[in-house]
Amino acid sequence: MEIIELLNTPSVITGKESIVGIDHLDSFLRDTYLAGEIEYIPKNILSKMSCTSRGIDTDQATGLYLLKLIQKDHELFYPRLW
């Protein structure tokens, strides 16, 4: 029960509210990597990021690349929307 409560609470892990959570970041990287839609090895992307109390922090170029991965992930799972 404690795990369910944790996953339903806004935090850096869950990404509830207005931040990308670590759980979602993991999905975006894993999905696009396994689909062959990623240009860089995920560990190289992760090395450019850090977790803060406000969410994931990174430089602008990496942030823009993450946005591309998020879009690609959605295209993979929701193709009718694109």
Protein backbone atom coordinates (compact mmCIF):
# COMPACT_ATOMS: atom_id res chain seq x y z
CA MET A 1 0.00 0.00 0.00
CA GLU A 2 2.87 2.40 0.73
CA ILE A 3 4.19 2.03 -2.85
CA ILE A 4 0.80 2.88 -4.34
CA GLU A 5 0.55 5.94 -2.11
CA LEU A 6 4.06 7.01 -3.15
CA LEU A 7 3.23 6.64 -6.85
CA ASN A 8 0.06 8.72 -6.41
CA THR A 9 1.88 11.55 -4.65
CA PRO A 10 3.34 14.45 -6.67
CA SER A 11 7.13 14.15 -6.67
CA VAL A 12 10.23 14.04 -8.84
CA ILE A 13 9.69 10.29 -9.19
CA THR A 14 6.06 10.38 -10.33
CA GLY A 15 6.07 13.54 -12.39
CA LYS A 16 2.63 14.50 -11.13
CA GLU A 17 1.67 18.14 -11.68
CA SER A 18 3.98 20.15 -13.96
CA ILE A 19 7.26 18.20 -14.07
CA VAL A 20 8.56 15.23 -16.02
CA GLY A 21 9.11 12.49 -13.47
CA ILE A 22 11.89 9.96 -13.41
CA ASP A 23 9.35 7.20 -14.10
CA HIS A 24 8.23 8.86 -17.34
CA LEU A 25 11.78 9.73 -18.35
CA ASP A 26 12.70 6.06 -18.00
CA SER A 27 9.80 5.11 -20.27
CA PHE A 28 10.68 7.67 -22.94
CA LEU A 29 14.31 6.58 -23.07
CA ARG A 30 13.58 2.85 -22.94
CA ASP A 31 10.75 2.91 -25.50
CA THR A 32 12.61 4.96 -28.08
CA TYR A 33 15.84 3.01 -27.54
CA LEU A 34 14.14 -0.37 -28.01
CA ALA A 35 12.28 0.94 -31.07
CA GLY A 36 15.58 2.05 -32.64
CA GLU A 37 14.44 5.68 -32.62
CA ILE A 38 17.20 7.15 -30.47
CA GLU A 39 20.47 8.70 -31.61
CA TYR A 40 22.42 8.41 -28.37
CA ILE A 41 22.91 5.66 -25.80
CA PRO A 42 20.61 6.53 -22.87
CA LYS A 43 23.50 6.59 -20.37
CA ASN A 44 25.07 9.42 -22.39
CA ILE A 45 21.84 11.40 -22.16
CA LEU A 46 21.41 10.68 -18.45
CA SER A 47 24.95 11.90 -17.72
CA LYS A 48 23.82 15.38 -18.86
CA MET A 49 20.92 15.52 -16.40
CA SER A 50 20.42 15.88 -12.68
CA CYS A 51 17.42 15.56 -10.40
CA THR A 52 16.34 18.51 -8.31
CA SER A 53 13.35 19.16 -6.09
CA ARG A 54 11.74 20.88 -9.07
CA GLY A 55 12.30 17.98 -11.49
CA ILE A 56 14.90 17.02 -14.04
CA ASP A 57 17.50 19.67 -14.84
CA THR A 58 19.66 19.73 -17.97
CA ASP A 59 21.11 22.02 -20.62
CA GLN A 60 18.94 23.43 -23.40
CA ALA A 61 20.19 21.10 -26.17
CA THR A 62 19.55 17.98 -24.08
CA GLY A 63 16.15 19.33 -23.04
CA LEU A 64 15.16 19.85 -26.67
CA TYR A 65 16.37 16.36 -27.53
CA LEU A 66 14.27 14.94 -24.69
CA LEU A 67 11.24 16.74 -26.13
CA LYS A 68 11.90 15.01 -29.46
CA LEU A 69 12.05 11.65 -27.67
CA ILE A 70 8.79 12.36 -25.84
CA GLN A 71 7.11 13.19 -29.15
CA LYS A 72 8.57 10.06 -30.80
CA ASP A 73 7.38 7.95 -27.86
CA HIS A 74 3.86 9.30 -28.29
CA GLU A 75 4.01 8.66 -32.04
CA LEU A 76 4.95 5.03 -31.33
CA PHE A 77 2.09 4.43 -28.91
CA TYR A 78 -0.57 6.78 -30.30
CA PRO A 79 0.01 6.76 -34.10
CA ARG A 80 -3.53 7.91 -34.93
CA LEU A 81 -2.91 11.23 -33.22
CA TRP A 82 -0.01 12.03 -35.56
